[in-house]
Every structure is written in structure tokens, then in C-alpha cells.
Amino acid sequence: MYLDLVVLLIIILLVVFFFKRFSSFVYMIVSLDILYKLLHFLKDNLHIDELSTLIDKYIPKSVVDMITNYVGEEGIFYQLLIWFMFFMYLICLFYIIRILVKRKY
């Protein structure tokens, strides 16, 4: 039941321990969210029963979906976490654009 949350916390701890940079944390959160969405895309389009069962059982649709599962969809804590994810995406977008601009000039 809490496997997805435990995996997320272990990944966060490893990234913070080894990389110690905020940008690494941002990339990790956004990359994990993209991975979750890609796996669900495969589940929806490959139509393999075993894969669908495995993904449905152990992998959330996104980090926001994981937040919704554990916190619910109402309350201040939910709103704070959702806005936190929004700002993680904005920061990641800023980092990506900054890298592209540096390569251009």
C-alpha cells in the first residue's frame, strides 16, 4: 500500500545525500513524474494484461496522483503540495531553458 511513497522517499534521500543540490532534487521530482506518466502511457497503449495489472497495482499515475492518494483532494496541506509541484515544474522549465540558452550562445 505504501510502496510508492517509500520508493519516493528513498529516491529523495539518495538524491539529497549524493548530489546535495536543489537542481538535482527538482530534476528528480519532475523526472519521476514523467516516468510515472510514460509507464501509464505504455499500459494504456500496449494492452498487455500482466503489465497493466503490475502498473495499476504499484505505480501511481503521477506524483500529484500520489499526493491525492495520501492527503486527499481537500485541505490546506493538499493545496500546498500541489502548488509545490507547480513550482517544481516551473523551476525545472527554467533550468532547461537556461541550459538551452547557454548552449546557443
PDB file of N, CA and C in Angstrom:
ATOM      1  N   MET A   1       0.813  -1.193   0.000  1.00  0.00           N
ATOM      2  CA  MET A   1       0.000   0.000   0.000  1.00  0.00           C
ATOM      3  C   MET A   1       0.855   1.256   0.000  1.00  0.00           C
ATOM      4  N   TYR A   2       1.897   1.284   0.801  1.00  0.00           N
ATOM      5  CA  TYR A   2       2.745   2.466   0.890  1.00  0.00           C
ATOM      6  C   TYR A   2       4.029   2.310   0.083  1.00  0.00           C
ATOM      7  N   LEU A   3       4.083   1.350  -0.820  1.00  0.00           N
ATOM      8  CA  LEU A   3       5.303   1.082  -1.576  1.00  0.00           C
ATOM      9  C   LEU A   3       5.725   2.279  -2.412  1.00  0.00           C
ATOM     10  N   ASP A   4       4.783   2.941  -3.078  1.00  0.00           N
ATOM     11  CA  ASP A   4       5.133   4.095  -3.902  1.00  0.00           C
ATOM     12  C   ASP A   4       5.683   5.243  -3.065  1.00  0.00           C
ATOM     13  N   LEU A   5       5.123   5.458  -1.900  1.00  0.00           N
ATOM     14  CA  LEU A   5       5.604   6.512  -1.011  1.00  0.00           C
ATOM     15  C   LEU A   5       6.998   6.192  -0.472  1.00  0.00           C
ATOM     16  N   VAL A   6       7.230   4.940  -0.122  1.00  0.00           N
ATOM     17  CA  VAL A   6       8.542   4.521   0.379  1.00  0.00           C
ATOM     18  C   VAL A   6       9.600   4.677  -0.708  1.00  0.00           C
ATOM     19  N   VAL A   7       9.281   4.273  -1.925  1.00  0.00           N
ATOM     20  CA  VAL A   7      10.230   4.409  -3.043  1.00  0.00           C
ATOM     21  C   VAL A   7      10.538   5.879  -3.291  1.00  0.00           C
ATOM     22  N   LEU A   8       9.526   6.724  -3.284  1.00  0.00           N
ATOM     23  CA  LEU A   8       9.742   8.163  -3.486  1.00  0.00           C
ATOM     24  C   LEU A   8      10.644   8.743  -2.402  1.00  0.00           C
ATOM     25  N   LEU A   9      10.396   8.399  -1.157  1.00  0.00           N
ATOM     26  CA  LEU A   9      11.219   8.918  -0.058  1.00  0.00           C
ATOM     27  C   LEU A   9      12.661   8.416  -0.140  1.00  0.00           C
ATOM     28  N   ILE A  10      12.857   7.166  -0.521  1.00  0.00           N
ATOM     29  CA  ILE A  10      14.220   6.633  -0.668  1.00  0.00           C
ATOM     30  C   ILE A  10      14.948   7.349  -1.793  1.00  0.00           C
ATOM     31  N   ILE A  11      14.279   7.571  -2.906  1.00  0.00           N
ATOM     32  CA  ILE A  11      14.906   8.279  -4.022  1.00  0.00           C
ATOM     33  C   ILE A  11      15.254   9.709  -3.624  1.00  0.00           C
ATOM     34  N   ILE A  12      14.361  10.376  -2.925  1.00  0.00           N
ATOM     35  CA  ILE A  12      14.639  11.746  -2.474  1.00  0.00           C
ATOM     36  C   ILE A  12      15.844  11.772  -1.545  1.00  0.00           C
ATOM     37  N   LEU A  13      15.892  10.849  -0.604  1.00  0.00           N
ATOM     38  CA  LEU A  13      17.026  10.799   0.321  1.00  0.00           C
ATOM     39  C   LEU A  13      18.341  10.523  -0.400  1.00  0.00           C
ATOM     40  N   LEU A  14      18.331   9.621  -1.366  1.00  0.00           N
ATOM     41  CA  LEU A  14      19.548   9.327  -2.120  1.00  0.00           C
ATOM     42  C   LEU A  14      20.016  10.529  -2.928  1.00  0.00           C
ATOM     43  N   VAL A  15      19.085  11.208  -3.570  1.00  0.00           N
ATOM     44  CA  VAL A  15      19.445  12.390  -4.365  1.00  0.00           C
ATOM     45  C   VAL A  15      20.000  13.488  -3.471  1.00  0.00           C
ATOM     46  N   VAL A  16      19.351  13.737  -2.356  1.00  0.00           N
ATOM     47  CA  VAL A  16      19.813  14.781  -1.439  1.00  0.00           C
ATOM     48  C   VAL A  16      21.170  14.405  -0.839  1.00  0.00           C
ATOM     49  N   PHE A  17      21.360  13.132  -0.510  1.00  0.00           N
ATOM     50  CA  PHE A  17      22.608  12.688   0.102  1.00  0.00           C
ATOM     51  C   PHE A  17      23.771  12.733  -0.884  1.00  0.00           C
ATOM     52  N   PHE A  18      23.564  12.271  -2.109  1.00  0.00           N
ATOM     53  CA  PHE A  18      24.667  12.178  -3.061  1.00  0.00           C
ATOM     54  C   PHE A  18      24.909  13.468  -3.846  1.00  0.00           C
ATOM     55  N   PHE A  19      23.870  14.168  -4.243  1.00  0.00           N
ATOM     56  CA  PHE A  19      24.051  15.329  -5.110  1.00  0.00           C
ATOM     57  C   PHE A  19      24.058  16.656  -4.355  1.00  0.00           C
ATOM     58  N   LYS A  20      23.271  16.766  -3.320  1.00  0.00           N
ATOM     59  CA  LYS A  20      23.252  17.923  -2.420  1.00  0.00           C
ATOM     60  C   LYS A  20      22.990  19.251  -3.126  1.00  0.00           C
ATOM     61  N   ARG A  21      22.308  19.217  -4.247  1.00  0.00           N
ATOM     62  CA  ARG A  21      21.963  20.443  -4.958  1.00  0.00           C
ATOM     63  C   ARG A  21      20.457  20.485  -5.157  1.00  0.00           C
ATOM     64  N   PHE A  22      19.922  21.668  -5.076  1.00  0.00           N
ATOM     65  CA  PHE A  22      18.485  21.832  -5.243  1.00  0.00           C
ATOM     66  C   PHE A  22      18.057  21.453  -6.653  1.00  0.00           C
ATOM     67  N   SER A  23      18.876  21.768  -7.641  1.00  0.00           N
ATOM     68  CA  SER A  23      18.530  21.432  -9.017  1.00  0.00           C
ATOM     69  C   SER A  23      18.398  19.918  -9.198  1.00  0.00           C
ATOM     70  N   SER A  24      19.220  19.145  -8.517  1.00  0.00           N
ATOM     71  CA  SER A  24      19.117  17.681  -8.594  1.00  0.00           C
ATOM     72  C   SER A  24      17.785  17.200  -8.022  1.00  0.00           C
ATOM     73  N   PHE A  25      17.367  17.811  -6.948  1.00  0.00           N
ATOM     74  CA  PHE A  25      16.075  17.473  -6.341  1.00  0.00           C
ATOM     75  C   PHE A  25      14.935  17.785  -7.304  1.00  0.00           C
ATOM     76  N   VAL A  26      14.999  18.950  -7.952  1.00  0.00           N
ATOM     77  CA  VAL A  26      13.956  19.350  -8.895  1.00  0.00           C
ATOM     78  C   VAL A  26      13.915  18.384 -10.071  1.00  0.00           C
ATOM     79  N   TYR A  27      15.068  18.096 -10.648  1.00  0.00           N
ATOM     80  CA  TYR A  27      15.120  17.164 -11.771  1.00  0.00           C
ATOM     81  C   TYR A  27      14.591  15.790 -11.381  1.00  0.00           C
ATOM     82  N   MET A  28      14.900  15.342 -10.177  1.00  0.00           N
ATOM     83  CA  MET A  28      14.455  14.036  -9.724  1.00  0.00           C
ATOM     84  C   MET A  28      12.930  13.984  -9.609  1.00  0.00           C
ATOM     85  N   ILE A  29      12.321  14.989  -9.015  1.00  0.00           N
ATOM     86  CA  ILE A  29      10.864  15.015  -8.840  1.00  0.00           C
ATOM     87  C   ILE A  29      10.167  15.039 -10.200  1.00  0.00           C
ATOM     88  N   VAL A  30      10.615  15.914 -11.080  1.00  0.00           N
ATOM     89  CA  VAL A  30       9.971  16.040 -12.389  1.00  0.00           C
ATOM     90  C   VAL A  30      10.234  14.792 -13.238  1.00  0.00           C
ATOM     91  N   SER A  31      11.434  14.245 -13.169  1.00  0.00           N
ATOM     92  CA  SER A  31      11.745  13.031 -13.927  1.00  0.00           C
ATOM     93  C   SER A  31      10.917  11.850 -13.446  1.00  0.00           C
ATOM     94  N   LEU A  32      10.742  11.730 -12.160  1.00  0.00           N
ATOM     95  CA  LEU A  32       9.923  10.656 -11.618  1.00  0.00           C
ATOM     96  C   LEU A  32       8.466  10.799 -12.070  1.00  0.00           C
ATOM     97  N   ASP A  33       7.971  12.016 -12.091  1.00  0.00           N
ATOM     98  CA  ASP A  33       6.612  12.260 -12.551  1.00  0.00           C
ATOM     99  C   ASP A  33       6.468  11.886 -14.028  1.00  0.00           C
ATOM    100  N   ILE A  34       7.454  12.253 -14.828  1.00  0.00           N
ATOM    101  CA  ILE A  34       7.429  11.909 -16.252  1.00  0.00           C
ATOM    102  C   ILE A  34       7.509  10.393 -16.430  1.00  0.00           C
ATOM    103  N   LEU A  35       8.345   9.722 -15.645  1.00  0.00           N
ATOM    104  CA  LEU A  35       8.441   8.267 -15.712  1.00  0.00           C
ATOM    105  C   LEU A  35       7.101   7.613 -15.395  1.00  0.00           C
ATOM    106  N   TYR A  36       6.442   8.071 -14.347  1.00  0.00           N
ATOM    107  CA  TYR A  36       5.122   7.531 -14.000  1.00  0.00           C
ATOM    108  C   TYR A  36       4.149   7.699 -15.172  1.00  0.00           C
ATOM    109  N   LYS A  37       4.146   8.859 -15.777  1.00  0.00           N
ATOM    110  CA  LYS A  37       3.224   9.117 -16.883  1.00  0.00           C
ATOM    111  C   LYS A  37       3.570   8.270 -18.106  1.00  0.00           C
ATOM    112  N   LEU A  38       4.856   8.068 -18.377  1.00  0.00           N
ATOM    113  CA  LEU A  38       5.256   7.224 -19.503  1.00  0.00           C
ATOM    114  C   LEU A  38       4.855   5.766 -19.285  1.00  0.00           C
ATOM    115  N   LEU A  39       5.020   5.271 -18.069  1.00  0.00           N
ATOM    116  CA  LEU A  39       4.629   3.894 -17.780  1.00  0.00           C
ATOM    117  C   LEU A  39       3.120   3.699 -17.944  1.00  0.00           C
ATOM    118  N   HIS A  40       2.346   4.681 -17.528  1.00  0.00           N
ATOM    119  CA  HIS A  40       0.892   4.572 -17.699  1.00  0.00           C
ATOM    120  C   HIS A  40       0.498   4.721 -19.164  1.00  0.00           C
ATOM    121  N   PHE A  41       1.266   5.478 -19.913  1.00  0.00           N
ATOM    122  CA  PHE A  41       1.027   5.553 -21.360  1.00  0.00           C
ATOM    123  C   PHE A  41       1.247   4.177 -21.998  1.00  0.00           C
ATOM    124  N   LEU A  42       2.330   3.500 -21.616  1.00  0.00           N
ATOM    125  CA  LEU A  42       2.592   2.154 -22.131  1.00  0.00           C
ATOM    126  C   LEU A  42       1.481   1.187 -21.742  1.00  0.00           C
ATOM    127  N   LYS A  43       1.045   1.271 -20.503  1.00  0.00           N
ATOM    128  CA  LYS A  43      -0.035   0.409 -20.033  1.00  0.00           C
ATOM    129  C   LYS A  43      -1.298   0.614 -20.859  1.00  0.00           C
ATOM    130  N   ASP A  44      -1.611   1.862 -21.137  1.00  0.00           N
ATOM    131  CA  ASP A  44      -2.839   2.175 -21.862  1.00  0.00           C
ATOM    132  C   ASP A  44      -2.772   1.798 -23.334  1.00  0.00           C
ATOM    133  N   ASN A  45      -1.579   1.774 -23.915  1.00  0.00           N
ATOM    134  CA  ASN A  45      -1.472   1.566 -25.355  1.00  0.00           C
ATOM    135  C   ASN A  45      -0.923   0.209 -25.778  1.00  0.00           C
ATOM    136  N   LEU A  46      -0.305  -0.535 -24.881  1.00  0.00           N
ATOM    137  CA  LEU A  46       0.205  -1.855 -25.242  1.00  0.00           C
ATOM    138  C   LEU A  46      -0.812  -2.967 -25.004  1.00  0.00           C
ATOM    139  N   HIS A  47      -1.706  -2.777 -24.080  1.00  0.00           N
ATOM    140  CA  HIS A  47      -2.776  -3.735 -23.778  1.00  0.00           C
ATOM    141  C   HIS A  47      -2.242  -5.116 -23.419  1.00  0.00           C
ATOM    142  N   ILE A  48      -1.223  -5.147 -22.568  1.00  0.00           N
ATOM    143  CA  ILE A  48      -0.700  -6.397 -22.032  1.00  0.00           C
ATOM    144  C   ILE A  48      -1.259  -6.528 -20.617  1.00  0.00           C
ATOM    145  N   ASP A  49      -2.026  -7.574 -20.383  1.00  0.00           N
ATOM    146  CA  ASP A  49      -2.742  -7.714 -19.115  1.00  0.00           C
ATOM    147  C   ASP A  49      -1.814  -7.753 -17.907  1.00  0.00           C
ATOM    148  N   GLU A  50      -0.714  -8.497 -17.999  1.00  0.00           N
ATOM    149  CA  GLU A  50       0.213  -8.604 -16.870  1.00  0.00           C
ATOM    150  C   GLU A  50       0.857  -7.253 -16.556  1.00  0.00           C
ATOM    151  N   LEU A  51       1.247  -6.539 -17.618  1.00  0.00           N
ATOM    152  CA  LEU A  51       1.851  -5.218 -17.437  1.00  0.00           C
ATOM    153  C   LEU A  51       0.841  -4.239 -16.853  1.00  0.00           C
ATOM    154  N   SER A  52      -0.370  -4.291 -17.354  1.00  0.00           N
ATOM    155  CA  SER A  52      -1.421  -3.393 -16.849  1.00  0.00           C
ATOM    156  C   SER A  52      -1.695  -3.637 -15.371  1.00  0.00           C
ATOM    157  N   THR A  53      -1.768  -4.894 -14.988  1.00  0.00           N
ATOM    158  CA  THR A  53      -2.008  -5.235 -13.584  1.00  0.00           C
ATOM    159  C   THR A  53      -0.865  -4.763 -12.703  1.00  0.00           C
ATOM    160  N   LEU A  54       0.350  -4.990 -13.143  1.00  0.00           N
ATOM    161  CA  LEU A  54       1.534  -4.590 -12.379  1.00  0.00           C
ATOM    162  C   LEU A  54       1.605  -3.069 -12.208  1.00  0.00           C
ATOM    163  N   ILE A  55       1.389  -2.347 -13.283  1.00  0.00           N
ATOM    164  CA  ILE A  55       1.457  -0.882 -13.223  1.00  0.00           C
ATOM    165  C   ILE A  55       0.314  -0.321 -12.384  1.00  0.00           C
ATOM    166  N   ASP A  56      -0.882  -0.845 -12.565  1.00  0.00           N
ATOM    167  CA  ASP A  56      -2.018  -0.360 -11.764  1.00  0.00           C
ATOM    168  C   ASP A  56      -1.818  -0.601 -10.274  1.00  0.00           C
ATOM    169  N   LYS A  57      -1.186  -1.713  -9.941  1.00  0.00           N
ATOM    170  CA  LYS A  57      -1.031  -2.079  -8.540  1.00  0.00           C
ATOM    171  C   LYS A  57       0.070  -1.280  -7.841  1.00  0.00           C
ATOM    172  N   TYR A  58       1.199  -1.043  -8.518  1.00  0.00           N
ATOM    173  CA  TYR A  58       2.370  -0.500  -7.834  1.00  0.00           C
ATOM    174  C   TYR A  58       2.782   0.917  -8.243  1.00  0.00           C
ATOM    175  N   ILE A  59       2.301   1.420  -9.353  1.00  0.00           N
ATOM    176  CA  ILE A  59       2.806   2.698  -9.856  1.00  0.00           C
ATOM    177  C   ILE A  59       1.669   3.707  -9.948  1.00  0.00           C
ATOM    178  N   PRO A  60       1.807   4.846  -9.272  1.00  0.00           N
ATOM    179  CA  PRO A  60       0.773   5.888  -9.384  1.00  0.00           C
ATOM    180  C   PRO A  60       0.824   6.544 -10.759  1.00  0.00           C
ATOM    181  N   LYS A  61      -0.241   7.235 -11.121  1.00  0.00           N
ATOM    182  CA  LYS A  61      -0.287   7.899 -12.425  1.00  0.00           C
ATOM    183  C   LYS A  61       0.672   9.072 -12.508  1.00  0.00           C
ATOM    184  N   SER A  62       0.892   9.741 -11.405  1.00  0.00           N
ATOM    185  CA  SER A  62       1.811  10.878 -11.347  1.00  0.00           C
ATOM    186  C   SER A  62       2.114  11.165  -9.877  1.00  0.00           C
ATOM    187  N   VAL A  63       3.013  12.089  -9.659  1.00  0.00           N
ATOM    188  CA  VAL A  63       3.327  12.486  -8.284  1.00  0.00           C
ATOM    189  C   VAL A  63       2.112  13.186  -7.666  1.00  0.00           C
ATOM    190  N   VAL A  64       1.401  13.956  -8.460  1.00  0.00           N
ATOM    191  CA  VAL A  64       0.192  14.623  -7.963  1.00  0.00           C
ATOM    192  C   VAL A  64      -0.858  13.581  -7.578  1.00  0.00           C
ATOM    193  N   ASP A  65      -0.980  12.518  -8.352  1.00  0.00           N
ATOM    194  CA  ASP A  65      -1.910  11.442  -8.016  1.00  0.00           C
ATOM    195  C   ASP A  65      -1.496  10.759  -6.713  1.00  0.00           C
ATOM    196  N   MET A  66      -0.204  10.612  -6.489  1.00  0.00           N
ATOM    197  CA  MET A  66       0.278  10.027  -5.248  1.00  0.00           C
ATOM    198  C   MET A  66      -0.066  10.940  -4.068  1.00  0.00           C
ATOM    199  N   ILE A  67       0.092  12.239  -4.258  1.00  0.00           N
ATOM    200  CA  ILE A  67      -0.270  13.197  -3.212  1.00  0.00           C
ATOM    201  C   ILE A  67      -1.762  13.080  -2.902  1.00  0.00           C
ATOM    202  N   THR A  68      -2.576  12.984  -3.943  1.00  0.00           N
ATOM    203  CA  THR A  68      -4.013  12.868  -3.768  1.00  0.00           C
ATOM    204  C   THR A  68      -4.386  11.585  -3.023  1.00  0.00           C
ATOM    205  N   ASN A  69      -3.679  10.491  -3.306  1.00  0.00           N
ATOM    206  CA  ASN A  69      -3.965   9.225  -2.628  1.00  0.00           C
ATOM    207  C   ASN A  69      -3.729   9.308  -1.124  1.00  0.00           C
ATOM    208  N   TYR A  70      -2.689  10.000  -0.704  1.00  0.00           N
ATOM    209  CA  TYR A  70      -2.325  10.015   0.712  1.00  0.00           C
ATOM    210  C   TYR A  70      -2.898  11.198   1.481  1.00  0.00           C
ATOM    211  N   VAL A  71      -3.167  12.312   0.805  1.00  0.00           N
ATOM    212  CA  VAL A  71      -3.617  13.512   1.503  1.00  0.00           C
ATOM    213  C   VAL A  71      -5.097  13.784   1.260  1.00  0.00           C
ATOM    214  N   GLY A  72      -5.614  13.362   0.137  1.00  0.00           N
ATOM    215  CA  GLY A  72      -6.980  13.702  -0.244  1.00  0.00           C
ATOM    216  C   GLY A  72      -6.957  14.903  -1.169  1.00  0.00           C
ATOM    217  N   GLU A  73      -8.123  15.337  -1.577  1.00  0.00           N
ATOM    218  CA  GLU A  73      -8.194  16.462  -2.514  1.00  0.00           C
ATOM    219  C   GLU A  73      -8.648  17.758  -1.863  1.00  0.00           C
ATOM    220  N   GLU A  74      -8.721  17.781  -0.575  1.00  0.00           N
ATOM    221  CA  GLU A  74      -9.169  18.990   0.100  1.00  0.00           C
ATOM    222  C   GLU A  74      -8.224  19.309   1.237  1.00  0.00           C
ATOM    223  N   GLY A  75      -8.186  20.549   1.594  1.00  0.00           N
ATOM    224  CA  GLY A  75      -7.372  20.968   2.718  1.00  0.00           C
ATOM    225  C   GLY A  75      -6.181  21.802   2.304  1.00  0.00           C
ATOM    226  N   ILE A  76      -5.632  22.455   3.272  1.00  0.00           N
ATOM    227  CA  ILE A  76      -4.500  23.350   3.032  1.00  0.00           C
ATOM    228  C   ILE A  76      -3.249  22.569   2.670  1.00  0.00           C
ATOM    229  N   PHE A  77      -3.020  21.432   3.314  1.00  0.00           N
ATOM    230  CA  PHE A  77      -1.822  20.638   3.029  1.00  0.00           C
ATOM    231  C   PHE A  77      -1.819  20.165   1.577  1.00  0.00           C
ATOM    232  N   TYR A  78      -2.962  19.746   1.076  1.00  0.00           N
ATOM    233  CA  TYR A  78      -3.081  19.349  -0.323  1.00  0.00           C
ATOM    234  C   TYR A  78      -2.747  20.523  -1.239  1.00  0.00           C
ATOM    235  N   GLN A  79      -3.321  21.678  -0.943  1.00  0.00           N
ATOM    236  CA  GLN A  79      -3.059  22.862  -1.762  1.00  0.00           C
ATOM    237  C   GLN A  79      -1.583  23.233  -1.754  1.00  0.00           C
ATOM    238  N   LEU A  80      -0.952  23.161  -0.587  1.00  0.00           N
ATOM    239  CA  LEU A  80       0.478  23.458  -0.506  1.00  0.00           C
ATOM    240  C   LEU A  80       1.309  22.490  -1.345  1.00  0.00           C
ATOM    241  N   LEU A  81       0.999  21.209  -1.274  1.00  0.00           N
ATOM    242  CA  LEU A  81       1.759  20.227  -2.047  1.00  0.00           C
ATOM    243  C   LEU A  81       1.536  20.378  -3.551  1.00  0.00           C
ATOM    244  N   ILE A  82       0.323  20.690  -3.951  1.00  0.00           N
ATOM    245  CA  ILE A  82       0.039  20.878  -5.373  1.00  0.00           C
ATOM    246  C   ILE A  82       0.762  22.114  -5.902  1.00  0.00           C
ATOM    247  N   TRP A  83       0.757  23.196  -5.136  1.00  0.00           N
ATOM    248  CA  TRP A  83       1.490  24.391  -5.555  1.00  0.00           C
ATOM    249  C   TRP A  83       2.996  24.144  -5.538  1.00  0.00           C
ATOM    250  N   PHE A  84       3.460  23.329  -4.599  1.00  0.00           N
ATOM    251  CA  PHE A  84       4.877  22.943  -4.574  1.00  0.00           C
ATOM    252  C   PHE A  84       5.242  22.228  -5.873  1.00  0.00           C
ATOM    253  N   MET A  85       4.388  21.307  -6.318  1.00  0.00           N
ATOM    254  CA  MET A  85       4.653  20.605  -7.588  1.00  0.00           C
ATOM    255  C   MET A  85       4.617  21.572  -8.762  1.00  0.00           C
ATOM    256  N   PHE A  86       3.699  22.519  -8.741  1.00  0.00           N
ATOM    257  CA  PHE A  86       3.644  23.521  -9.797  1.00  0.00           C
ATOM    258  C   PHE A  86       4.956  24.296  -9.874  1.00  0.00           C
ATOM    259  N   PHE A  87       5.465  24.717  -8.722  1.00  0.00           N
ATOM    260  CA  PHE A  87       6.720  25.462  -8.718  1.00  0.00           C
ATOM    261  C   PHE A  87       7.907  24.578  -9.086  1.00  0.00           C
ATOM    262  N   MET A  88       7.848  23.290  -8.781  1.00  0.00           N
ATOM    263  CA  MET A  88       8.916  22.363  -9.212  1.00  0.00           C
ATOM    264  C   MET A  88       8.964  22.300 -10.735  1.00  0.00           C
ATOM    265  N   TYR A  89       7.782  22.249 -11.360  1.00  0.00           N
ATOM    266  CA  TYR A  89       7.741  22.257 -12.821  1.00  0.00           C
ATOM    267  C   TYR A  89       8.252  23.580 -13.389  1.00  0.00           C
ATOM    268  N   LEU A  90       7.894  24.684 -12.770  1.00  0.00           N
ATOM    269  CA  LEU A  90       8.393  25.979 -13.241  1.00  0.00           C
ATOM    270  C   LEU A  90       9.910  26.084 -13.100  1.00  0.00           C
ATOM    271  N   ILE A  91      10.440  25.631 -11.998  1.00  0.00           N
ATOM    272  CA  ILE A  91      11.881  25.677 -11.780  1.00  0.00           C
ATOM    273  C   ILE A  91      12.591  24.761 -12.765  1.00  0.00           C
ATOM    274  N   CYS A  92      12.040  23.587 -12.994  1.00  0.00           N
ATOM    275  CA  CYS A  92      12.633  22.660 -13.962  1.00  0.00           C
ATOM    276  C   CYS A  92      12.613  23.279 -15.361  1.00  0.00           C
ATOM    277  N   LEU A  93      11.524  23.905 -15.718  1.00  0.00           N
ATOM    278  CA  LEU A  93      11.447  24.584 -17.008  1.00  0.00           C
ATOM    279  C   LEU A  93      12.500  25.685 -17.107  1.00  0.00           C
ATOM    280  N   PHE A  94      12.684  26.438 -16.037  1.00  0.00           N
ATOM    281  CA  PHE A  94      13.716  27.469 -16.005  1.00  0.00           C
ATOM    282  C   PHE A  94      15.104  26.864 -16.214  1.00  0.00           C
ATOM    283  N   TYR A  95      15.401  25.753 -15.524  1.00  0.00           N
ATOM    284  CA  TYR A  95      16.705  25.096 -15.680  1.00  0.00           C
ATOM    285  C   TYR A  95      16.915  24.605 -17.116  1.00  0.00           C
ATOM    286  N   ILE A  96      15.890  24.035 -17.697  1.00  0.00           N
ATOM    287  CA  ILE A  96      16.006  23.533 -19.064  1.00  0.00           C
ATOM    288  C   ILE A  96      16.229  24.669 -20.044  1.00  0.00           C
ATOM    289  N   ILE A  97      15.478  25.738 -19.898  1.00  0.00           N
ATOM    290  CA  ILE A  97      15.648  26.898 -20.788  1.00  0.00           C
ATOM    291  C   ILE A  97      17.028  27.504 -20.599  1.00  0.00           C
ATOM    292  N   ARG A  98      17.493  27.588 -19.369  1.00  0.00           N
ATOM    293  CA  ARG A  98      18.828  28.131 -19.103  1.00  0.00           C
ATOM    294  C   ARG A  98      19.910  27.284 -19.777  1.00  0.00           C
ATOM    295  N   ILE A  99      19.770  25.977 -19.730  1.00  0.00           N
ATOM    296  CA  ILE A  99      20.744  25.097 -20.387  1.00  0.00           C
ATOM    297  C   ILE A  99      20.696  25.311 -21.905  1.00  0.00           C
ATOM    298  N   LEU A 100      19.517  25.413 -22.464  1.00  0.00           N
ATOM    299  CA  LEU A 100      19.395  25.624 -23.906  1.00  0.00           C
ATOM    300  C   LEU A 100      19.976  26.962 -24.334  1.00  0.00           C
ATOM    301  N   VAL A 101      19.771  27.999 -23.541  1.00  0.00           N
ATOM    302  CA  VAL A 101      20.311  29.319 -23.872  1.00  0.00           C
ATOM    303  C   VAL A 101      21.830  29.298 -23.772  1.00  0.00           C
ATOM    304  N   LYS A 102      22.382  28.626 -22.773  1.00  0.00           N
ATOM    305  CA  LYS A 102      23.834  28.547 -22.643  1.00  0.00           C
ATOM    306  C   LYS A 102      24.451  27.827 -23.831  1.00  0.00           C
ATOM    307  N   ARG A 103      23.798  26.812 -24.329  1.00  0.00           N
ATOM    308  CA  ARG A 103      24.323  26.083 -25.483  1.00  0.00           C
ATOM    309  C   ARG A 103      24.227  26.911 -26.756  1.00  0.00           C
ATOM    310  N   LYS A 104      23.253  27.757 -26.829  1.00  0.00           N
ATOM    311  CA  LYS A 104      23.047  28.575 -28.031  1.00  0.00           C
ATOM    312  C   LYS A 104      24.108  29.662 -28.131  1.00  0.00           C
ATOM    313  N   TYR A 105      24.469  30.255 -26.990  1.00  0.00           N
ATOM    314  CA  TYR A 105      25.401  31.382 -27.021  1.00  0.00           C
ATOM    315  C   TYR A 105      26.687  31.005 -26.416  1.00  0.00           C
TER     316      TYR A 105
END
